[in-house]
Amino acid sequence: MNLPFKKRKPVKSVIDKTRILDTNSPFMIKETYKSLRTNLMFALQNNHEGGKVIVFSSAIPSEGKTTVCLNTAITFAQTGAKVLIVDSDLRIPKLHKYLGVDGKRGFSNVLGGFLEWKDVVSHIEDYNIDCIAGGHIPPNPAELLSSKTTTNVISELKQNYDYIFIDTPPVSIVTDAIAIASLASGVVLVTRENYTPHTAIKDVLNSFQFANIKLLGMINNCSMLSEFSYKNPYGSKHRLIKYRSSYYSKYSSYYGNYYAYGAKSLEDNKE
């Protein structure tokens, strides 16, 4: 059986807004995100330096990290916290499509020095969160995210928000996520049941450890189980949240095609 993101002709990305949390979402889904919220709050309770910056990333494309990041941000906003979600995928930004905001002015424009961050913030009344879209696609996203400007912008955001959630590209594809994660309070790694290769997860965890990035936990998407704990290479336990396939990722293969990423079969990736 081959993984569904082998090289193909690019297809149009499909955005399924029904996966965003609302009053009609299944009770179990909402409670699982509340459990994730509680776990993250405990993991960050010793962080007292302004707002908490939480990066969401994945090992490979199409694991559902953008949806999980957005739903987690919505769940935190439900507590009354001041929440901002930032699209730092400057190669294939998609957060603006979920939230219906202008995607042409965003994070890349701020990092490039063309606009101030306050000029590109959109407030989403339905979810009571603020959003910064990806903006124009730049020729040098990795360099922008590694710049001093990014450090300064994140520092300012921390003084204005309780929680900043940052959506990033897959770690094993480009270096962008590592660059922005070095400025974060911690990283949440999103995987996908029967899809993410074990070797890819190990490589990402090693990258985090090498860069001294704090791993807050892992979320296993598209699972039929409830939840369990695992032990990571750092030696401490982290909660691994799983939720049912009613939120099964319907991402297209466009992301994988863009980065020309190939993969082995599931059998080849078994431990």
Protein backbone atom coordinates (compact mmCIF):
# COMPACT_ATOMS: atom_id res chain seq x y z
CA MET A 1 0.00 0.00 0.00
CA ASN A 2 1.49 3.36 -1.03
CA LEU A 3 1.14 6.55 0.94
CA PRO A 4 -1.14 9.09 -0.79
CA PHE A 5 1.41 11.87 -1.29
CA LYS A 6 3.72 10.39 -3.91
CA LYS A 7 4.62 12.59 -6.86
CA ARG A 8 1.62 13.53 -9.01
CA LYS A 9 0.50 16.50 -11.01
CA PRO A 10 -0.56 19.32 -8.66
CA VAL A 11 -4.27 19.43 -7.90
CA LYS A 12 -6.35 22.14 -6.36
CA SER A 13 -6.25 22.15 -2.58
CA VAL A 14 -9.62 21.38 -0.97
CA ILE A 15 -10.54 23.29 2.18
CA ASP A 16 -13.16 21.54 4.30
CA LYS A 17 -14.53 24.15 6.72
CA THR A 18 -16.80 21.57 8.36
CA ARG A 19 -13.80 20.38 10.35
CA ILE A 20 -13.62 23.68 12.25
CA LEU A 21 -15.10 23.47 15.74
CA ASP A 22 -18.54 24.98 16.22
CA THR A 23 -21.72 24.31 18.18
CA ASN A 24 -22.60 21.41 15.88
CA SER A 25 -19.30 19.56 16.35
CA PRO A 26 -19.57 16.13 18.04
CA PHE A 27 -19.33 16.23 21.83
CA MET A 28 -16.37 13.84 21.87
CA ILE A 29 -14.38 16.03 19.48
CA LYS A 30 -14.96 19.14 21.57
CA GLU A 31 -14.04 17.33 24.78
CA THR A 32 -10.86 15.96 23.24
CA TYR A 33 -9.74 19.46 22.31
CA LYS A 34 -10.56 20.63 25.83
CA SER A 35 -8.37 17.83 27.15
CA LEU A 36 -5.60 18.99 24.84
CA ARG A 37 -6.08 22.54 26.10
CA THR A 38 -5.72 21.43 29.71
CA ASN A 39 -2.58 19.42 28.95
CA LEU A 40 -0.98 22.36 27.16
CA MET A 41 -1.84 24.74 29.98
CA PHE A 42 -0.14 22.45 32.49
CA ALA A 43 2.86 22.04 30.19
CA LEU A 44 3.25 25.83 29.97
CA GLN A 45 2.41 26.77 33.55
CA ASN A 46 6.05 27.63 34.40
CA ASN A 47 6.36 29.96 31.41
CA HIS A 48 5.87 33.47 32.79
CA GLU A 49 7.51 35.54 30.03
CA GLY A 50 4.52 37.25 28.43
CA GLY A 51 2.23 35.32 26.09
CA LYS A 52 2.80 31.66 25.29
CA VAL A 53 3.88 30.82 21.75
CA ILE A 54 2.81 27.34 20.60
CA VAL A 55 3.99 26.01 17.25
CA PHE A 56 2.06 23.28 15.45
CA SER A 57 3.89 21.23 12.86
CA SER A 58 4.04 17.76 11.34
CA ALA A 59 6.63 15.43 9.89
CA ILE A 60 5.17 15.22 6.38
CA PRO A 61 2.31 16.88 4.42
CA SER A 62 -1.41 16.15 4.82
CA GLU A 63 -1.48 15.20 8.49
CA GLY A 64 -4.11 17.76 9.49
CA LYS A 65 -1.94 20.17 11.50
CA THR A 66 -3.64 23.36 10.25
CA THR A 67 -7.05 22.10 11.33
CA VAL A 68 -5.73 20.92 14.70
CA CYS A 69 -3.89 24.21 15.26
CA LEU A 70 -6.98 26.27 14.44
CA ASN A 71 -9.32 24.16 16.58
CA THR A 72 -6.90 24.31 19.51
CA ALA A 73 -6.74 28.10 19.20
CA ILE A 74 -10.55 28.27 19.18
CA THR A 75 -10.70 26.09 22.30
CA PHE A 76 -8.27 28.37 24.15
CA ALA A 77 -10.28 31.44 23.11
CA GLN A 78 -13.36 29.88 24.72
CA THR A 79 -11.72 30.41 28.12
CA GLY A 80 -11.68 34.17 27.57
CA ALA A 81 -7.97 34.28 26.75
CA LYS A 82 -6.71 36.70 24.11
CA VAL A 83 -5.66 34.39 21.28
CA LEU A 84 -3.83 34.96 17.99
CA ILE A 85 -3.23 32.36 15.28
CA VAL A 86 -0.45 32.99 12.74
CA ASP A 87 0.08 31.29 9.39
CA SER A 88 3.87 30.95 9.06
CA ASP A 89 3.63 28.57 6.11
CA LEU A 90 4.92 31.17 3.69
CA ARG A 91 5.10 28.63 0.85
CA ILE A 92 1.51 27.34 0.78
CA PRO A 93 -0.51 29.50 3.21
CA LYS A 94 -4.03 28.22 3.72
CA LEU A 95 -5.28 29.51 7.08
CA HIS A 96 -6.98 32.48 5.39
CA LYS A 97 -9.11 30.05 3.37
CA TYR A 98 -10.48 28.46 6.54
CA LEU A 99 -11.26 31.81 8.17
CA GLY A 100 -12.31 33.78 5.10
CA VAL A 101 -9.81 36.62 5.53
CA ASP A 102 -7.57 38.44 3.06
CA GLY A 103 -4.57 36.23 2.33
CA LYS A 104 -2.61 38.81 0.34
CA ARG A 105 -1.59 40.82 3.41
CA GLY A 106 -0.02 38.85 6.19
CA PHE A 107 3.01 37.52 8.02
CA SER A 108 5.40 37.63 5.06
CA ASN A 109 4.58 41.31 4.47
CA VAL A 110 5.42 42.07 8.11
CA LEU A 111 8.68 40.11 8.09
CA GLY A 112 9.66 41.80 4.83
CA GLY A 113 9.27 45.21 6.47
CA PHE A 114 6.38 46.37 4.31
CA LEU A 115 3.68 46.45 7.01
CA GLU A 116 3.33 46.46 10.79
CA TRP A 117 1.81 43.39 12.42
CA LYS A 118 -1.17 45.43 13.64
CA ASP A 119 -1.97 46.28 10.01
CA VAL A 120 -2.53 42.63 9.05
CA VAL A 121 -4.49 41.33 12.05
CA SER A 122 -8.05 40.18 11.34
CA HIS A 123 -10.52 39.54 14.14
CA ILE A 124 -12.74 36.48 13.66
CA GLU A 125 -15.90 37.31 15.58
CA ASP A 126 -17.39 33.81 15.32
CA TYR A 127 -14.46 32.28 17.22
CA ASN A 128 -13.27 35.35 19.16
CA ILE A 129 -9.71 34.97 17.88
CA ASP A 130 -7.32 37.19 15.94
CA CYS A 131 -5.58 35.91 12.82
CA ILE A 132 -2.53 36.85 10.77
CA ALA A 133 -2.62 35.23 7.33
CA GLY A 134 0.47 34.09 5.44
CA GLY A 135 0.53 37.00 3.00
CA HIS A 136 2.35 37.12 -0.31
CA ILE A 137 4.54 34.12 -1.05
CA PRO A 138 8.16 35.34 -0.76
CA PRO A 139 11.21 33.94 -2.58
CA ASN A 140 13.07 33.40 0.72
CA PRO A 141 10.69 32.11 3.44
CA ALA A 142 13.35 30.28 5.47
CA GLU A 143 15.54 33.39 5.61
CA LEU A 144 12.61 35.58 6.64
CA LEU A 145 11.63 33.25 9.48
CA SER A 146 15.24 33.10 10.68
CA SER A 147 15.68 36.87 10.68
CA LYS A 148 15.97 39.28 13.59
CA THR A 149 12.71 40.85 12.43
CA THR A 150 10.86 37.61 13.20
CA THR A 151 12.34 37.58 16.70
CA ASN A 152 11.21 41.15 17.27
CA VAL A 153 7.71 40.55 15.89
CA ILE A 154 7.16 37.45 18.05
CA SER A 155 8.39 39.40 21.08
CA GLU A 156 5.83 42.14 20.41
CA LEU A 157 3.03 39.63 19.90
CA LYS A 158 3.84 38.02 23.25
CA GLN A 159 3.22 41.37 24.93
CA ASN A 160 -0.22 41.70 23.33
CA TYR A 161 -1.68 38.17 23.49
CA ASP A 162 -2.08 35.43 26.07
CA TYR A 163 -1.53 32.66 23.51
CA ILE A 164 -0.04 32.76 20.02
CA PHE A 165 -0.59 29.65 17.88
CA ILE A 166 1.67 29.29 14.84
CA ASP A 167 0.95 26.96 11.94
CA THR A 168 4.11 25.83 10.09
CA PRO A 169 5.13 23.66 7.14
CA PRO A 170 6.18 20.01 7.70
CA VAL A 171 9.52 19.71 9.51
CA SER A 172 11.04 17.03 7.30
CA ILE A 173 10.30 18.97 4.10
CA VAL A 174 11.72 22.45 4.77
CA THR A 175 13.60 24.15 7.62
CA ASP A 176 10.98 26.86 8.19
CA ALA A 177 9.32 25.16 11.17
CA ILE A 178 12.60 24.73 13.05
CA ALA A 179 13.44 28.41 12.55
CA ILE A 180 10.18 29.68 14.05
CA ALA A 181 10.01 26.92 16.68
CA SER A 182 13.24 28.16 18.23
CA LEU A 183 11.29 31.26 19.33
CA ALA A 184 8.34 29.33 20.75
CA SER A 185 7.40 28.15 24.22
CA GLY A 186 7.10 24.69 22.72
CA VAL A 187 6.00 22.60 19.76
CA VAL A 188 3.07 20.24 19.21
CA LEU A 189 3.73 17.57 16.60
CA VAL A 190 0.72 16.33 14.62
CA THR A 191 0.86 12.83 13.13
CA ARG A 192 -1.72 10.80 11.25
CA GLU A 193 -2.80 7.25 11.98
CA ASN A 194 -1.64 4.66 9.41
CA TYR A 195 -0.03 7.42 7.36
CA THR A 196 2.98 9.01 9.03
CA PRO A 197 6.13 6.86 8.69
CA HIS A 198 7.79 5.93 11.97
CA THR A 199 11.14 6.99 10.57
CA ALA A 200 9.80 10.47 9.78
CA ILE A 201 8.63 10.94 13.37
CA LYS A 202 12.02 9.84 14.71
CA ASP A 203 13.81 12.25 12.39
CA VAL A 204 11.62 15.15 13.53
CA LEU A 205 12.11 14.36 17.22
CA ASN A 206 15.85 14.20 16.68
CA SER A 207 15.73 17.58 14.91
CA PHE A 208 13.85 19.09 17.86
CA GLN A 209 16.33 17.66 20.32
CA PHE A 210 19.33 18.87 18.30
CA ALA A 211 17.86 22.39 18.08
CA ASN A 212 16.96 22.35 21.80
CA ILE A 213 13.27 22.82 21.01
CA LYS A 214 10.76 21.89 23.68
CA LEU A 215 8.27 19.23 22.59
CA LEU A 216 4.95 19.81 24.36
CA GLY A 217 3.38 16.64 22.99
CA MET A 218 2.09 14.76 19.97
CA ILE A 219 -1.39 14.55 18.51
CA ASN A 220 -2.28 11.46 16.50
CA ASN A 221 -4.91 12.46 13.94
CA CYS A 222 -7.52 10.16 12.35
CA SER A 223 -7.47 7.58 15.12
CA MET A 224 -10.24 5.35 16.46
CA LEU A 225 -8.74 5.32 19.98
CA SER A 226 -9.33 7.74 22.81
CA GLU A 227 -5.93 8.64 24.24
CA PHE A 228 -2.74 7.25 25.76
CA SER A 229 0.72 8.34 26.87
CA TYR A 230 4.08 7.72 25.27
CA LYS A 231 7.69 8.26 26.28
CA ASN A 232 9.73 10.49 23.99
CA PRO A 233 13.52 10.69 23.52
CA TYR A 234 13.76 13.47 26.10
CA GLY A 235 12.86 10.97 28.79
CA SER A 236 9.62 12.59 29.94
CA LYS A 237 6.05 11.54 29.31
CA HIS A 238 3.78 13.55 27.06
CA ARG A 239 0.10 13.10 26.42
CA LEU A 240 -0.74 11.80 22.97
CA ILE A 241 -4.26 12.87 22.03
CA LYS A 242 -6.19 10.78 19.51
CA TYR A 243 -9.64 11.39 18.12
CA ARG A 244 -12.04 9.56 15.89
CA SER A 245 -12.08 9.53 12.13
CA SER A 246 -15.15 11.79 11.92
CA TYR A 247 -12.52 14.52 11.49
CA TYR A 248 -10.55 12.40 9.02
CA SER A 249 -8.13 14.56 7.06
CA LYS A 250 -9.37 15.26 3.51
CA TYR A 251 -6.36 17.27 2.44
CA SER A 252 -5.42 16.95 -1.20
CA SER A 253 -2.02 15.85 -2.38
CA TYR A 254 -1.13 19.39 -3.45
CA TYR A 255 1.14 20.02 -0.47
CA GLY A 256 3.21 16.92 -1.18
CA ASN A 257 3.34 17.69 -4.89
CA TYR A 258 4.60 21.19 -4.20
CA TYR A 259 7.58 19.90 -2.27
CA ALA A 260 8.01 16.90 -4.64
CA TYR A 261 8.00 14.59 -1.64
CA GLY A 262 7.99 10.83 -2.17
CA ALA A 263 7.50 8.12 0.44
CA LYS A 264 7.88 4.44 1.07
CA SER A 265 4.96 2.13 1.66
CA LEU A 266 3.48 1.61 5.11
CA GLU A 267 5.03 -1.83 5.27
CA ASP A 268 8.49 -0.35 4.66
CA ASN A 269 8.07 2.04 7.56
CA LYS A 270 7.08 -0.48 10.21
CA GLU A 271 9.48 -0.83 13.10
